[in-house]
């Protein structure tokens, strides 16, 4: 038995997780070693269905403030077609010394 077409595509939550993870890594790249980050707002636009093959998420820091970092991310398929487009805000959190 073969699954219906919509069941054979990549779930949107996977694209969300990829974009969120890429934006978190990009945020960490602009922080000091005593800082952490947490996503406070992420919006994803699903542009095209993805079925099989490799997906790649990339993120760009648009603005890095002292308390909030603004980012954009793209998820593309193996043909470099845009599958998802995301924007996000990440909070900058100070890490306590000794933790």
C-alpha atoms as a PDB file:
ATOM      1  CA  UNK A   1       0.000   0.000   0.000  1.00  0.00           C
ATOM      2  CA  UNK A   2       1.356   3.405  -0.953  1.00  0.00           C
ATOM      3  CA  UNK A   3       0.758   6.478   1.218  1.00  0.00           C
ATOM      4  CA  UNK A   4      -1.266   9.358  -0.231  1.00  0.00           C
ATOM      5  CA  UNK A   5       0.846  12.148  -1.758  1.00  0.00           C
ATOM      6  CA  UNK A   6       0.589  14.476   1.229  1.00  0.00           C
ATOM      7  CA  UNK A   7       1.881  11.749   3.567  1.00  0.00           C
ATOM      8  CA  UNK A   8       4.999  11.197   1.483  1.00  0.00           C
ATOM      9  CA  UNK A   9       6.179  14.813   1.784  1.00  0.00           C
ATOM     10  CA  UNK A  10       8.411  16.196   4.527  1.00  0.00           C
ATOM     11  CA  UNK A  11       6.347  17.429   7.479  1.00  0.00           C
ATOM     12  CA  UNK A  12       6.389  21.197   8.018  1.00  0.00           C
ATOM     13  CA  UNK A  13       7.663  20.735  11.568  1.00  0.00           C
ATOM     14  CA  UNK A  14      10.891  19.321  10.115  1.00  0.00           C
ATOM     15  CA  UNK A  15      11.399  22.479   8.056  1.00  0.00           C
ATOM     16  CA  UNK A  16      10.604  24.589  11.120  1.00  0.00           C
ATOM     17  CA  UNK A  17      13.163  22.677  13.219  1.00  0.00           C
ATOM     18  CA  UNK A  18      15.822  23.031  10.525  1.00  0.00           C
ATOM     19  CA  UNK A  19      15.284  26.785  10.195  1.00  0.00           C
ATOM     20  CA  UNK A  20      15.142  27.281  13.986  1.00  0.00           C
ATOM     21  CA  UNK A  21      18.357  25.297  14.479  1.00  0.00           C
ATOM     22  CA  UNK A  22      20.183  27.181  11.702  1.00  0.00           C
ATOM     23  CA  UNK A  23      19.094  30.533  13.156  1.00  0.00           C
ATOM     24  CA  UNK A  24      20.155  29.444  16.654  1.00  0.00           C
ATOM     25  CA  UNK A  25      23.608  28.482  15.364  1.00  0.00           C
ATOM     26  CA  UNK A  26      23.901  31.788  13.491  1.00  0.00           C
ATOM     27  CA  UNK A  27      22.905  33.663  16.640  1.00  0.00           C
ATOM     28  CA  UNK A  28      25.530  31.825  18.701  1.00  0.00           C
ATOM     29  CA  UNK A  29      28.176  32.846  16.146  1.00  0.00           C
ATOM     30  CA  UNK A  30      27.717  36.533  17.058  1.00  0.00           C
ATOM     31  CA  UNK A  31      27.513  36.128  20.853  1.00  0.00           C
ATOM     32  CA  UNK A  32      30.222  36.192  23.484  1.00  0.00           C
ATOM     33  CA  UNK A  33      31.252  32.891  25.080  1.00  0.00           C
ATOM     34  CA  UNK A  34      29.335  33.794  28.250  1.00  0.00           C
ATOM     35  CA  UNK A  35      26.034  34.182  26.376  1.00  0.00           C
ATOM     36  CA  UNK A  36      23.318  31.816  25.200  1.00  0.00           C
ATOM     37  CA  UNK A  37      20.252  32.319  23.032  1.00  0.00           C
ATOM     38  CA  UNK A  38      16.637  31.211  22.844  1.00  0.00           C
ATOM     39  CA  UNK A  39      14.135  31.639  20.031  1.00  0.00           C
ATOM     40  CA  UNK A  40      11.357  34.044  20.984  1.00  0.00           C
ATOM     41  CA  UNK A  41       9.582  34.314  17.622  1.00  0.00           C
ATOM     42  CA  UNK A  42       9.886  32.190  14.493  1.00  0.00           C
ATOM     43  CA  UNK A  43       7.721  32.456  11.391  1.00  0.00           C
ATOM     44  CA  UNK A  44       7.996  29.936   8.560  1.00  0.00           C
ATOM     45  CA  UNK A  45       6.577  30.212   5.079  1.00  0.00           C
ATOM     46  CA  UNK A  46       6.289  26.913   3.258  1.00  0.00           C
ATOM     47  CA  UNK A  47       7.154  27.565  -0.394  1.00  0.00           C
ATOM     48  CA  UNK A  48       7.270  24.133  -2.024  1.00  0.00           C
ATOM     49  CA  UNK A  49       6.701  20.540  -0.972  1.00  0.00           C
ATOM     50  CA  UNK A  50       9.812  18.464  -0.303  1.00  0.00           C
ATOM     51  CA  UNK A  51       9.726  14.713  -0.759  1.00  0.00           C
ATOM     52  CA  UNK A  52      13.070  12.959  -0.697  1.00  0.00           C
ATOM     53  CA  UNK A  53      16.698  13.906  -1.009  1.00  0.00           C
ATOM     54  CA  UNK A  54      18.808  16.301   0.980  1.00  0.00           C
ATOM     55  CA  UNK A  55      17.490  19.480   2.571  1.00  0.00           C
ATOM     56  CA  UNK A  56      19.840  22.262   3.671  1.00  0.00           C
ATOM     57  CA  UNK A  57      19.030  25.161   5.992  1.00  0.00           C
ATOM     58  CA  UNK A  58      21.087  28.353   6.038  1.00  0.00           C
ATOM     59  CA  UNK A  59      20.616  31.411   8.228  1.00  0.00           C
ATOM     60  CA  UNK A  60      21.749  35.008   8.108  1.00  0.00           C
ATOM     61  CA  UNK A  61      21.945  37.467  10.989  1.00  0.00           C
ATOM     62  CA  UNK A  62      20.107  40.587   9.849  1.00  0.00           C
ATOM     63  CA  UNK A  63      20.662  42.623  13.029  1.00  0.00           C
ATOM     64  CA  UNK A  64      22.454  41.719  16.261  1.00  0.00           C
ATOM     65  CA  UNK A  65      21.329  43.835  19.201  1.00  0.00           C
ATOM     66  CA  UNK A  66      22.397  43.563  22.820  1.00  0.00           C
ATOM     67  CA  UNK A  67      19.209  41.717  23.814  1.00  0.00           C
ATOM     68  CA  UNK A  68      17.643  40.450  20.582  1.00  0.00           C
ATOM     69  CA  UNK A  69      19.076  39.090  17.328  1.00  0.00           C
ATOM     70  CA  UNK A  70      16.988  39.238  14.117  1.00  0.00           C
ATOM     71  CA  UNK A  71      17.551  36.563  11.471  1.00  0.00           C
ATOM     72  CA  UNK A  72      16.346  35.085   8.203  1.00  0.00           C
ATOM     73  CA  UNK A  73      16.694  31.461   7.120  1.00  0.00           C
ATOM     74  CA  UNK A  74      16.137  29.440   3.982  1.00  0.00           C
ATOM     75  CA  UNK A  75      15.582  25.718   3.560  1.00  0.00           C
ATOM     76  CA  UNK A  76      16.424  24.400   0.085  1.00  0.00           C
ATOM     77  CA  UNK A  77      16.170  20.967  -1.516  1.00  0.00           C
ATOM     78  CA  UNK A  78      18.866  19.038  -3.396  1.00  0.00           C
ATOM     79  CA  UNK A  79      18.061  21.063  -6.543  1.00  0.00           C
ATOM     80  CA  UNK A  80      18.477  24.299  -4.548  1.00  0.00           C
ATOM     81  CA  UNK A  81      14.764  25.055  -4.898  1.00  0.00           C
ATOM     82  CA  UNK A  82      13.404  27.134  -2.027  1.00  0.00           C
ATOM     83  CA  UNK A  83      11.271  24.902   0.197  1.00  0.00           C
ATOM     84  CA  UNK A  84      10.871  27.149   3.250  1.00  0.00           C
ATOM     85  CA  UNK A  85      11.618  30.727   4.215  1.00  0.00           C
ATOM     86  CA  UNK A  86      11.803  31.786   7.855  1.00  0.00           C
ATOM     87  CA  UNK A  87      12.370  34.864   9.955  1.00  0.00           C
ATOM     88  CA  UNK A  88      13.109  34.832  13.637  1.00  0.00           C
ATOM     89  CA  UNK A  89      14.009  36.755  16.753  1.00  0.00           C
ATOM     90  CA  UNK A  90      16.346  35.235  19.320  1.00  0.00           C
ATOM     91  CA  UNK A  91      16.846  36.495  22.865  1.00  0.00           C
ATOM     92  CA  UNK A  92      20.395  36.995  24.104  1.00  0.00           C
ATOM     93  CA  UNK A  93      20.756  35.410  27.536  1.00  0.00           C
ATOM     94  CA  UNK A  94      23.690  35.934  29.903  1.00  0.00           C
ATOM     95  CA  UNK A  95      25.154  32.724  31.288  1.00  0.00           C
ATOM     96  CA  UNK A  96      25.955  32.678  34.996  1.00  0.00           C
ATOM     97  CA  UNK A  97      29.630  32.235  35.790  1.00  0.00           C
ATOM     98  CA  UNK A  98      30.377  28.702  37.043  1.00  0.00           C
ATOM     99  CA  UNK A  99      27.524  27.036  35.146  1.00  0.00           C
END
